[in-house]
Amino acid sequence: MNMREKILTIASSLFDTRGIQASGVDTIIMEAGVAKATLYKHFPSKNQLIMAYLREKSDKFYAWLNAQLASNKAESIELLVQLCELMEQWITRPEFHGLPFHIAAVEFPDPGHPINQYSAVLSAELQSYLCKIARHAGAKDPEALGQQLTILFEGAALVERLAPHTGAAARAKLAAITLVHNAT
């Protein structure tokens, strides 16, 4: 693991467990065992570190999801049903701390702040991804289905974060599957 990856790994752990704003640069450099200059060499600002964290979290999610979808080679409606099941699986993992871009948007509520804006980009990216899957699966209106699935997934993720193990993810999955059956 190179120095950039080490700093990002430590920062990610702190952001996930303590919060983004609560994890100051001094805490990150202390936990990573690096000098402040080293952190700023790799991440010129805390905002850039936060954006790298958000990007990495999104990339890991899509890599996992794409691998799962590719391994089962589901087609059409089965692909969408599998997608719904995988979304439930992702947000009920013990290490799930919520959607990082939701947390970042809450911690940086000003719509003009770069972190808030980047969080909105990542949410739109999720919707675009789900629209693409819906299109590939042959949904009648893939844009509408993609948006509906995004709303269900993001909502279930939020409820699961606030009230874990209450069945929100399972109920969202069932609602999503109903939408899928009506959309194909």
N, C-alpha and C. Protein backbone atom coordinates (compact mmCIF):
# COMPACT_ATOMS: atom_id res chain seq x y z
N MET A 1 0.86 -1.18 0.00
CA MET A 1 0.00 0.00 0.00
C MET A 1 0.90 1.24 0.00
N ASN A 2 0.67 2.12 -0.97
CA ASN A 2 1.48 3.33 -1.02
C ASN A 2 0.97 4.35 0.00
N MET A 3 1.68 5.45 0.14
CA MET A 3 1.36 6.45 1.15
C MET A 3 -0.02 7.08 0.92
N ARG A 4 -0.36 7.35 -0.33
CA ARG A 4 -1.66 7.94 -0.63
C ARG A 4 -2.78 6.99 -0.20
N GLU A 5 -2.63 5.71 -0.55
CA GLU A 5 -3.63 4.71 -0.18
C GLU A 5 -3.74 4.58 1.33
N LYS A 6 -2.60 4.63 2.02
CA LYS A 6 -2.59 4.52 3.48
C LYS A 6 -3.38 5.68 4.10
N ILE A 7 -3.09 6.88 3.66
CA ILE A 7 -3.79 8.06 4.19
C ILE A 7 -5.29 7.95 3.90
N LEU A 8 -5.64 7.57 2.69
CA LEU A 8 -7.04 7.46 2.31
C LEU A 8 -7.75 6.36 3.11
N THR A 9 -7.07 5.25 3.35
CA THR A 9 -7.65 4.16 4.14
C THR A 9 -7.93 4.61 5.57
N ILE A 10 -6.96 5.28 6.17
CA ILE A 10 -7.14 5.77 7.55
C ILE A 10 -8.25 6.81 7.59
N ALA A 11 -8.22 7.76 6.66
CA ALA A 11 -9.25 8.80 6.62
C ALA A 11 -10.63 8.18 6.41
N SER A 12 -10.74 7.19 5.55
CA SER A 12 -12.02 6.52 5.29
C SER A 12 -12.57 5.89 6.56
N SER A 13 -11.71 5.21 7.27
CA SER A 13 -12.13 4.57 8.52
C SER A 13 -12.62 5.62 9.52
N LEU A 14 -11.89 6.71 9.64
CA LEU A 14 -12.29 7.78 10.56
C LEU A 14 -13.59 8.44 10.10
N PHE A 15 -13.70 8.73 8.83
CA PHE A 15 -14.92 9.36 8.31
C PHE A 15 -16.13 8.46 8.54
N ASP A 16 -15.95 7.15 8.33
CA ASP A 16 -17.05 6.20 8.51
C ASP A 16 -17.48 6.07 9.96
N THR A 17 -16.52 6.08 10.87
CA THR A 17 -16.84 5.81 12.27
C THR A 17 -17.06 7.05 13.12
N ARG A 18 -16.39 8.16 12.79
CA ARG A 18 -16.50 9.37 13.60
C ARG A 18 -17.24 10.50 12.91
N GLY A 19 -17.33 10.42 11.60
CA GLY A 19 -17.91 11.51 10.83
C GLY A 19 -16.82 12.28 10.10
N ILE A 20 -17.21 12.96 9.06
CA ILE A 20 -16.24 13.67 8.23
C ILE A 20 -15.73 14.92 8.93
N GLN A 21 -16.65 15.75 9.40
CA GLN A 21 -16.25 17.00 10.06
C GLN A 21 -15.51 16.71 11.37
N ALA A 22 -15.91 15.66 12.07
CA ALA A 22 -15.29 15.34 13.36
C ALA A 22 -13.89 14.76 13.22
N SER A 23 -13.52 14.38 12.02
CA SER A 23 -12.19 13.80 11.77
C SER A 23 -11.29 14.87 11.17
N GLY A 24 -10.60 15.57 12.03
CA GLY A 24 -9.73 16.65 11.58
C GLY A 24 -8.45 16.14 10.95
N VAL A 25 -7.78 17.02 10.25
CA VAL A 25 -6.51 16.68 9.61
C VAL A 25 -5.49 16.20 10.64
N ASP A 26 -5.45 16.84 11.81
CA ASP A 26 -4.49 16.42 12.84
C ASP A 26 -4.74 14.98 13.28
N THR A 27 -6.00 14.61 13.43
CA THR A 27 -6.33 13.22 13.80
C THR A 27 -5.93 12.26 12.69
N ILE A 28 -6.19 12.64 11.47
CA ILE A 28 -5.85 11.77 10.33
C ILE A 28 -4.35 11.55 10.25
N ILE A 29 -3.56 12.62 10.37
CA ILE A 29 -2.10 12.45 10.27
C ILE A 29 -1.55 11.67 11.46
N MET A 30 -2.15 11.86 12.64
CA MET A 30 -1.71 11.10 13.81
C MET A 30 -2.00 9.61 13.61
N GLU A 31 -3.21 9.29 13.19
CA GLU A 31 -3.60 7.89 12.98
C GLU A 31 -2.80 7.24 11.85
N ALA A 32 -2.51 8.01 10.81
CA ALA A 32 -1.76 7.48 9.67
C ALA A 32 -0.26 7.45 9.93
N GLY A 33 0.18 8.19 10.95
CA GLY A 33 1.61 8.23 11.25
C GLY A 33 2.41 8.94 10.18
N VAL A 34 1.84 10.02 9.64
CA VAL A 34 2.53 10.78 8.60
C VAL A 34 2.61 12.25 9.01
N ALA A 35 3.48 12.97 8.35
CA ALA A 35 3.59 14.41 8.58
C ALA A 35 2.48 15.13 7.82
N LYS A 36 2.12 16.30 8.31
CA LYS A 36 1.08 17.10 7.66
C LYS A 36 1.46 17.39 6.21
N ALA A 37 2.75 17.65 5.98
CA ALA A 37 3.22 17.93 4.61
C ALA A 37 2.99 16.73 3.69
N THR A 38 3.12 15.52 4.23
CA THR A 38 2.90 14.31 3.44
C THR A 38 1.43 14.20 3.04
N LEU A 39 0.54 14.46 3.99
CA LEU A 39 -0.88 14.42 3.68
C LEU A 39 -1.20 15.43 2.59
N TYR A 40 -0.70 16.66 2.76
CA TYR A 40 -1.02 17.71 1.79
C TYR A 40 -0.31 17.52 0.45
N LYS A 41 0.74 16.73 0.43
CA LYS A 41 1.39 16.39 -0.84
C LYS A 41 0.44 15.54 -1.69
N HIS A 42 -0.26 14.62 -1.03
CA HIS A 42 -1.16 13.71 -1.73
C HIS A 42 -2.57 14.28 -1.88
N PHE A 43 -2.98 15.09 -0.92
CA PHE A 43 -4.31 15.70 -0.92
C PHE A 43 -4.14 17.17 -0.54
N PRO A 44 -4.06 18.07 -1.50
CA PRO A 44 -3.77 19.47 -1.22
C PRO A 44 -4.74 20.18 -0.27
N SER A 45 -5.92 19.59 -0.06
CA SER A 45 -6.87 20.16 0.90
C SER A 45 -7.69 19.03 1.50
N LYS A 46 -8.33 19.30 2.64
CA LYS A 46 -9.20 18.29 3.23
C LYS A 46 -10.36 18.00 2.29
N ASN A 47 -10.85 19.02 1.59
CA ASN A 47 -11.94 18.79 0.63
C ASN A 47 -11.53 17.77 -0.43
N GLN A 48 -10.30 17.85 -0.90
CA GLN A 48 -9.84 16.88 -1.91
C GLN A 48 -9.72 15.48 -1.31
N LEU A 49 -9.33 15.40 -0.05
CA LEU A 49 -9.30 14.10 0.64
C LEU A 49 -10.71 13.54 0.76
N ILE A 50 -11.65 14.38 1.13
CA ILE A 50 -13.05 13.95 1.26
C ILE A 50 -13.59 13.48 -0.09
N MET A 51 -13.30 14.22 -1.14
CA MET A 51 -13.79 13.82 -2.47
C MET A 51 -13.15 12.51 -2.92
N ALA A 52 -11.88 12.31 -2.58
CA ALA A 52 -11.22 11.03 -2.91
C ALA A 52 -11.89 9.89 -2.14
N TYR A 53 -12.23 10.14 -0.88
CA TYR A 53 -12.94 9.16 -0.06
C TYR A 53 -14.29 8.81 -0.69
N LEU A 54 -15.04 9.83 -1.07
CA LEU A 54 -16.36 9.61 -1.67
C LEU A 54 -16.24 8.84 -2.99
N ARG A 55 -15.26 9.21 -3.81
CA ARG A 55 -15.05 8.52 -5.09
C ARG A 55 -14.68 7.06 -4.85
N GLU A 56 -13.75 6.83 -3.91
CA GLU A 56 -13.32 5.46 -3.63
C GLU A 56 -14.49 4.61 -3.14
N LYS A 57 -15.30 5.15 -2.25
CA LYS A 57 -16.46 4.40 -1.74
C LYS A 57 -17.42 4.06 -2.89
N SER A 58 -17.68 5.01 -3.76
CA SER A 58 -18.56 4.75 -4.90
C SER A 58 -17.96 3.71 -5.83
N ASP A 59 -16.67 3.85 -6.11
CA ASP A 59 -16.00 2.89 -7.00
C ASP A 59 -16.06 1.47 -6.44
N LYS A 60 -15.86 1.33 -5.14
CA LYS A 60 -15.92 0.00 -4.51
C LYS A 60 -17.33 -0.59 -4.62
N PHE A 61 -18.33 0.26 -4.41
CA PHE A 61 -19.71 -0.20 -4.53
C PHE A 61 -20.00 -0.69 -5.94
N TYR A 62 -19.65 0.11 -6.95
CA TYR A 62 -19.92 -0.29 -8.33
C TYR A 62 -19.11 -1.52 -8.74
N ALA A 63 -17.89 -1.63 -8.27
CA ALA A 63 -17.08 -2.81 -8.59
C ALA A 63 -17.73 -4.06 -8.01
N TRP A 64 -18.19 -3.98 -6.77
CA TRP A 64 -18.85 -5.11 -6.12
C TRP A 64 -20.15 -5.45 -6.87
N LEU A 65 -20.95 -4.43 -7.14
CA LEU A 65 -22.24 -4.65 -7.79
C LEU A 65 -22.06 -5.23 -9.20
N ASN A 66 -21.14 -4.68 -9.96
CA ASN A 66 -20.89 -5.18 -11.32
C ASN A 66 -20.39 -6.62 -11.30
N ALA A 67 -19.53 -6.95 -10.34
CA ALA A 67 -19.02 -8.32 -10.23
C ALA A 67 -20.16 -9.29 -9.90
N GLN A 68 -21.04 -8.88 -8.99
CA GLN A 68 -22.17 -9.73 -8.62
C GLN A 68 -23.12 -9.93 -9.81
N LEU A 69 -23.42 -8.86 -10.50
CA LEU A 69 -24.33 -8.96 -11.65
C LEU A 69 -23.72 -9.79 -12.78
N ALA A 70 -22.43 -9.63 -13.02
CA ALA A 70 -21.76 -10.37 -14.09
C ALA A 70 -21.64 -11.85 -13.77
N SER A 71 -21.46 -12.17 -12.50
CA SER A 71 -21.25 -13.57 -12.13
C SER A 71 -22.51 -14.41 -12.32
N ASN A 72 -23.66 -13.81 -12.24
CA ASN A 72 -24.90 -14.58 -12.36
C ASN A 72 -25.50 -14.54 -13.76
N LYS A 73 -25.01 -13.65 -14.59
CA LYS A 73 -25.44 -13.56 -15.99
C LYS A 73 -26.96 -13.53 -16.16
N ALA A 74 -27.63 -12.86 -15.23
CA ALA A 74 -29.09 -12.73 -15.33
C ALA A 74 -29.44 -11.81 -16.49
N GLU A 75 -30.61 -11.99 -17.03
CA GLU A 75 -31.08 -11.18 -18.16
C GLU A 75 -32.46 -10.61 -17.81
N SER A 76 -32.83 -9.57 -18.49
CA SER A 76 -34.15 -8.98 -18.44
C SER A 76 -34.63 -8.76 -17.01
N ILE A 77 -35.83 -9.25 -16.72
CA ILE A 77 -36.43 -9.00 -15.41
C ILE A 77 -35.60 -9.63 -14.29
N GLU A 78 -34.99 -10.77 -14.56
CA GLU A 78 -34.17 -11.43 -13.54
C GLU A 78 -33.00 -10.54 -13.13
N LEU A 79 -32.45 -9.81 -14.09
CA LEU A 79 -31.35 -8.88 -13.81
C LEU A 79 -31.81 -7.80 -12.83
N LEU A 80 -32.99 -7.26 -13.07
CA LEU A 80 -33.51 -6.20 -12.20
C LEU A 80 -33.87 -6.73 -10.81
N VAL A 81 -34.43 -7.93 -10.75
CA VAL A 81 -34.74 -8.54 -9.45
C VAL A 81 -33.44 -8.78 -8.69
N GLN A 82 -32.43 -9.30 -9.38
CA GLN A 82 -31.14 -9.52 -8.74
C GLN A 82 -30.55 -8.20 -8.23
N LEU A 83 -30.69 -7.16 -9.02
CA LEU A 83 -30.21 -5.84 -8.61
C LEU A 83 -30.87 -5.42 -7.30
N CYS A 84 -32.17 -5.62 -7.18
CA CYS A 84 -32.91 -5.27 -5.96
C CYS A 84 -32.40 -6.07 -4.77
N GLU A 85 -32.15 -7.35 -4.99
CA GLU A 85 -31.62 -8.20 -3.92
C GLU A 85 -30.22 -7.76 -3.50
N LEU A 86 -29.41 -7.38 -4.47
CA LEU A 86 -28.05 -6.93 -4.16
C LEU A 86 -28.05 -5.61 -3.40
N MET A 87 -28.98 -4.73 -3.73
CA MET A 87 -29.07 -3.46 -3.01
C MET A 87 -29.39 -3.72 -1.53
N GLU A 88 -30.32 -4.64 -1.29
CA GLU A 88 -30.64 -4.99 0.10
C GLU A 88 -29.40 -5.56 0.78
N GLN A 89 -28.72 -6.46 0.10
CA GLN A 89 -27.51 -7.08 0.65
C GLN A 89 -26.47 -6.03 1.04
N TRP A 90 -26.27 -5.04 0.17
CA TRP A 90 -25.25 -4.01 0.40
C TRP A 90 -25.56 -3.18 1.65
N ILE A 91 -26.81 -2.75 1.78
CA ILE A 91 -27.11 -1.84 2.89
C ILE A 91 -27.39 -2.55 4.21
N THR A 92 -27.40 -3.87 4.20
CA THR A 92 -27.57 -4.59 5.47
C THR A 92 -26.27 -5.25 5.94
N ARG A 93 -25.17 -4.95 5.26
CA ARG A 93 -23.87 -5.48 5.71
C ARG A 93 -23.51 -4.86 7.07
N PRO A 94 -22.86 -5.62 7.94
CA PRO A 94 -22.49 -5.07 9.25
C PRO A 94 -21.61 -3.82 9.16
N GLU A 95 -20.79 -3.73 8.13
CA GLU A 95 -19.89 -2.58 8.00
C GLU A 95 -20.53 -1.38 7.29
N PHE A 96 -21.82 -1.47 6.98
CA PHE A 96 -22.49 -0.36 6.31
C PHE A 96 -22.71 0.79 7.29
N HIS A 97 -22.25 1.97 6.90
CA HIS A 97 -22.39 3.17 7.75
C HIS A 97 -23.27 4.22 7.10
N GLY A 98 -24.02 3.84 6.10
CA GLY A 98 -24.81 4.80 5.35
C GLY A 98 -24.14 5.10 4.03
N LEU A 99 -24.85 5.78 3.17
CA LEU A 99 -24.26 6.18 1.89
C LEU A 99 -23.34 7.37 2.14
N PRO A 100 -22.06 7.23 1.84
CA PRO A 100 -21.12 8.31 2.14
C PRO A 100 -21.52 9.66 1.55
N PHE A 101 -22.11 9.66 0.35
CA PHE A 101 -22.48 10.95 -0.22
C PHE A 101 -23.66 11.58 0.50
N HIS A 102 -24.51 10.78 1.15
CA HIS A 102 -25.58 11.33 2.00
C HIS A 102 -24.96 12.00 3.22
N ILE A 103 -24.06 11.28 3.85
CA ILE A 103 -23.43 11.78 5.07
C ILE A 103 -22.67 13.08 4.76
N ALA A 104 -21.95 13.09 3.66
CA ALA A 104 -21.19 14.28 3.28
C ALA A 104 -22.13 15.46 3.01
N ALA A 105 -23.25 15.20 2.34
CA ALA A 105 -24.19 16.28 2.04
C ALA A 105 -24.80 16.85 3.31
N VAL A 106 -25.04 16.00 4.29
CA VAL A 106 -25.58 16.47 5.57
C VAL A 106 -24.53 17.28 6.33
N GLU A 107 -23.29 16.82 6.30
CA GLU A 107 -22.23 17.52 7.02
C GLU A 107 -21.81 18.82 6.33
N PHE A 108 -22.09 18.93 5.04
CA PHE A 108 -21.79 20.14 4.27
C PHE A 108 -23.08 20.59 3.58
N PRO A 109 -24.02 21.16 4.34
CA PRO A 109 -25.36 21.42 3.82
C PRO A 109 -25.48 22.56 2.80
N ASP A 110 -24.49 23.42 2.72
CA ASP A 110 -24.56 24.54 1.78
C ASP A 110 -24.50 24.00 0.35
N PRO A 111 -25.56 24.22 -0.45
CA PRO A 111 -25.56 23.71 -1.83
C PRO A 111 -24.41 24.23 -2.69
N GLY A 112 -23.79 25.32 -2.28
CA GLY A 112 -22.67 25.86 -3.02
C GLY A 112 -21.33 25.29 -2.61
N HIS A 113 -21.31 24.49 -1.55
CA HIS A 113 -20.04 23.91 -1.07
C HIS A 113 -19.62 22.78 -2.02
N PRO A 114 -18.34 22.70 -2.35
CA PRO A 114 -17.87 21.65 -3.28
C PRO A 114 -18.20 20.23 -2.84
N ILE A 115 -18.19 19.96 -1.54
CA ILE A 115 -18.51 18.60 -1.06
C ILE A 115 -19.99 18.30 -1.29
N ASN A 116 -20.85 19.26 -1.00
CA ASN A 116 -22.28 19.08 -1.23
C ASN A 116 -22.54 18.87 -2.72
N GLN A 117 -21.89 19.67 -3.54
CA GLN A 117 -22.07 19.54 -4.99
C GLN A 117 -21.58 18.18 -5.50
N TYR A 118 -20.45 17.72 -4.97
CA TYR A 118 -19.91 16.43 -5.39
C TYR A 118 -20.84 15.30 -4.93
N SER A 119 -21.42 15.46 -3.75
CA SER A 119 -22.38 14.46 -3.25
C SER A 119 -23.57 14.36 -4.20
N ALA A 120 -24.05 15.50 -4.69
CA ALA A 120 -25.16 15.50 -5.64
C ALA A 120 -24.76 14.81 -6.95
N VAL A 121 -23.53 15.01 -7.37
CA VAL A 121 -23.02 14.33 -8.57
C VAL A 121 -23.04 12.82 -8.37
N LEU A 122 -22.62 12.36 -7.19
CA LEU A 122 -22.57 10.92 -6.93
C LEU A 122 -23.98 10.32 -6.84
N SER A 123 -24.92 11.07 -6.30
CA SER A 123 -26.31 10.60 -6.27
C SER A 123 -26.85 10.50 -7.69
N ALA A 124 -26.57 11.49 -8.51
CA ALA A 124 -27.00 11.46 -9.92
C ALA A 124 -26.32 10.31 -10.67
N GLU A 125 -25.08 10.03 -10.31
CA GLU A 125 -24.35 8.92 -10.92
C GLU A 125 -25.03 7.59 -10.60
N LEU A 126 -25.50 7.44 -9.36
CA LEU A 126 -26.22 6.23 -8.97
C LEU A 126 -27.49 6.10 -9.80
N GLN A 127 -28.23 7.18 -9.92
CA GLN A 127 -29.46 7.12 -10.72
C GLN A 127 -29.16 6.78 -12.17
N SER A 128 -28.14 7.36 -12.72
CA SER A 128 -27.74 7.07 -14.11
C SER A 128 -27.38 5.59 -14.27
N TYR A 129 -26.67 5.05 -13.30
CA TYR A 129 -26.28 3.64 -13.32
C TYR A 129 -27.53 2.76 -13.31
N LEU A 130 -28.47 3.07 -12.42
CA LEU A 130 -29.69 2.26 -12.32
C LEU A 130 -30.55 2.40 -13.58
N CYS A 131 -30.57 3.57 -14.18
CA CYS A 131 -31.29 3.75 -15.46
C CYS A 131 -30.65 2.89 -16.54
N LYS A 132 -29.34 2.84 -16.55
CA LYS A 132 -28.62 2.03 -17.55
C LYS A 132 -28.96 0.55 -17.39
N ILE A 133 -29.00 0.07 -16.16
CA ILE A 133 -29.36 -1.33 -15.90
C ILE A 133 -30.81 -1.57 -16.35
N ALA A 134 -31.70 -0.64 -16.02
CA ALA A 134 -33.11 -0.78 -16.41
C ALA A 134 -33.25 -0.80 -17.93
N ARG A 135 -32.48 0.03 -18.60
CA ARG A 135 -32.50 0.07 -20.07
C ARG A 135 -32.02 -1.27 -20.63
N HIS A 136 -30.90 -1.75 -20.09
CA HIS A 136 -30.32 -3.03 -20.54
C HIS A 136 -31.30 -4.18 -20.32
N ALA A 137 -32.08 -4.10 -19.25
CA ALA A 137 -33.02 -5.17 -18.93
C ALA A 137 -34.33 -5.05 -19.71
N GLY A 138 -34.48 -3.98 -20.48
CA GLY A 138 -35.67 -3.84 -21.30
C GLY A 138 -36.87 -3.20 -20.63
N ALA A 139 -36.65 -2.38 -19.62
CA ALA A 139 -37.77 -1.69 -18.97
C ALA A 139 -38.46 -0.77 -19.97
N LYS A 140 -39.79 -0.65 -19.83
CA LYS A 140 -40.57 0.21 -20.74
C LYS A 140 -40.13 1.67 -20.64
N ASP A 141 -39.90 2.13 -19.42
CA ASP A 141 -39.46 3.51 -19.18
C ASP A 141 -38.26 3.45 -18.23
N PRO A 142 -37.07 3.19 -18.77
CA PRO A 142 -35.90 2.98 -17.91
C PRO A 142 -35.53 4.20 -17.06
N GLU A 143 -35.82 5.40 -17.56
CA GLU A 143 -35.49 6.60 -16.77
C GLU A 143 -36.37 6.66 -15.52
N ALA A 144 -37.65 6.41 -15.69
CA ALA A 144 -38.57 6.43 -14.55
C ALA A 144 -38.22 5.32 -13.56
N LEU A 145 -37.99 4.12 -14.07
CA LEU A 145 -37.65 3.00 -13.18
C LEU A 145 -36.33 3.27 -12.46
N GLY A 146 -35.35 3.78 -13.17
CA GLY A 146 -34.07 4.09 -12.53
C GLY A 146 -34.22 5.10 -11.41
N GLN A 147 -35.04 6.12 -11.65
CA GLN A 147 -35.26 7.12 -10.60
C GLN A 147 -36.01 6.51 -9.42
N GLN A 148 -37.02 5.69 -9.68
CA GLN A 148 -37.77 5.05 -8.61
C GLN A 148 -36.87 4.14 -7.77
N LEU A 149 -36.03 3.36 -8.44
CA LEU A 149 -35.11 2.47 -7.71
C LEU A 149 -34.10 3.28 -6.90
N THR A 150 -33.66 4.40 -7.44
CA THR A 150 -32.73 5.27 -6.70
C THR A 150 -33.38 5.78 -5.43
N ILE A 151 -34.61 6.25 -5.55
CA ILE A 151 -35.33 6.77 -4.38
C ILE A 151 -35.49 5.68 -3.33
N LEU A 152 -35.88 4.49 -3.76
CA LEU A 152 -36.04 3.38 -2.81
C LEU A 152 -34.72 3.00 -2.15
N PHE A 153 -33.67 2.88 -2.95
CA PHE A 153 -32.37 2.47 -2.42
C PHE A 153 -31.81 3.52 -1.47
N GLU A 154 -31.82 4.78 -1.90
CA GLU A 154 -31.28 5.82 -1.04
C GLU A 154 -32.11 5.97 0.24
N GLY A 155 -33.43 5.87 0.11
CA GLY A 155 -34.29 5.96 1.29
C GLY A 155 -34.07 4.80 2.25
N ALA A 156 -33.98 3.60 1.72
CA ALA A 156 -33.74 2.42 2.56
C ALA A 156 -32.38 2.51 3.24
N ALA A 157 -31.39 3.02 2.52
CA ALA A 157 -30.05 3.17 3.10
C ALA A 157 -30.08 4.15 4.27
N LEU A 158 -30.84 5.22 4.12
CA LEU A 158 -30.94 6.20 5.20
C LEU A 158 -31.65 5.61 6.41
N VAL A 159 -32.77 4.93 6.18
CA VAL A 159 -33.50 4.32 7.30
C VAL A 159 -32.65 3.25 7.97
N GLU A 160 -31.96 2.45 7.17
CA GLU A 160 -31.10 1.39 7.73
C GLU A 160 -29.99 1.99 8.58
N ARG A 161 -29.49 3.14 8.20
CA ARG A 161 -28.45 3.84 8.98
C ARG A 161 -29.02 4.34 10.31
N LEU A 162 -30.24 4.88 10.27
CA LEU A 162 -30.84 5.45 11.47
C LEU A 162 -31.46 4.39 12.38
N ALA A 163 -32.00 3.35 11.79
CA ALA A 163 -32.68 2.30 12.56
C ALA A 163 -32.31 0.94 11.97
N PRO A 164 -31.09 0.47 12.26
CA PRO A 164 -30.63 -0.80 11.68
C PRO A 164 -31.53 -1.98 12.06
N HIS A 165 -31.59 -2.93 11.17
CA HIS A 165 -32.27 -4.21 11.40
C HIS A 165 -33.77 -4.05 11.68
N THR A 166 -34.39 -3.05 11.07
CA THR A 166 -35.83 -2.86 11.25
C THR A 166 -36.62 -3.35 10.04
N GLY A 167 -35.93 -3.89 9.06
CA GLY A 167 -36.59 -4.43 7.89
C GLY A 167 -36.79 -3.44 6.76
N ALA A 168 -36.27 -2.24 6.90
CA ALA A 168 -36.45 -1.22 5.85
C ALA A 168 -35.87 -1.70 4.51
N ALA A 169 -34.71 -2.30 4.55
CA ALA A 169 -34.06 -2.75 3.31
C ALA A 169 -34.89 -3.84 2.64
N ALA A 170 -35.41 -4.77 3.44
CA ALA A 170 -36.22 -5.85 2.87
C ALA A 170 -37.52 -5.31 2.27
N ARG A 171 -38.14 -4.35 2.95
CA ARG A 171 -39.37 -3.76 2.43
C ARG A 171 -39.11 -2.96 1.16
N ALA A 172 -38.00 -2.24 1.15
CA ALA A 172 -37.63 -1.48 -0.05
C ALA A 172 -37.37 -2.43 -1.21
N LYS A 173 -36.74 -3.56 -0.91
CA LYS A 173 -36.48 -4.56 -1.97
C LYS A 173 -37.80 -5.07 -2.54
N LEU A 174 -38.75 -5.39 -1.68
CA LEU A 174 -40.05 -5.89 -2.17
C LEU A 174 -40.77 -4.83 -2.99
N ALA A 175 -40.72 -3.58 -2.55
CA ALA A 175 -41.33 -2.49 -3.32
C ALA A 175 -40.63 -2.34 -4.67
N ALA A 176 -39.31 -2.45 -4.66
CA ALA A 176 -38.54 -2.33 -5.90
C ALA A 176 -38.87 -3.47 -6.86
N ILE A 177 -39.01 -4.67 -6.34
CA ILE A 177 -39.36 -5.81 -7.19
C ILE A 177 -40.75 -5.62 -7.80
N THR A 178 -41.68 -5.08 -7.02
CA THR A 178 -43.01 -4.77 -7.55
C THR A 178 -42.90 -3.76 -8.69
N LEU A 179 -42.10 -2.73 -8.49
CA LEU A 179 -41.88 -1.74 -9.56
C LEU A 179 -41.29 -2.40 -10.80
N VAL A 180 -40.33 -3.27 -10.59
CA VAL A 180 -39.66 -3.97 -11.70
C VAL A 180 -40.67 -4.77 -12.50
N HIS A 181 -41.52 -5.52 -11.81
CA HIS A 181 -42.52 -6.35 -12.51
C HIS A 181 -43.50 -5.48 -13.29
N ASN A 182 -43.81 -4.31 -12.77
CA ASN A 182 -44.74 -3.41 -13.47
C ASN A 182 -44.07 -2.64 -14.60
N ALA A 183 -42.74 -2.60 -14.59
CA ALA A 183 -42.01 -1.78 -15.57
C ALA A 183 -41.48 -2.57 -16.76
N THR A 184 -41.64 -3.89 -16.73
CA THR A 184 -41.09 -4.71 -17.82
C THR A 184 -42.19 -5.43 -18.56
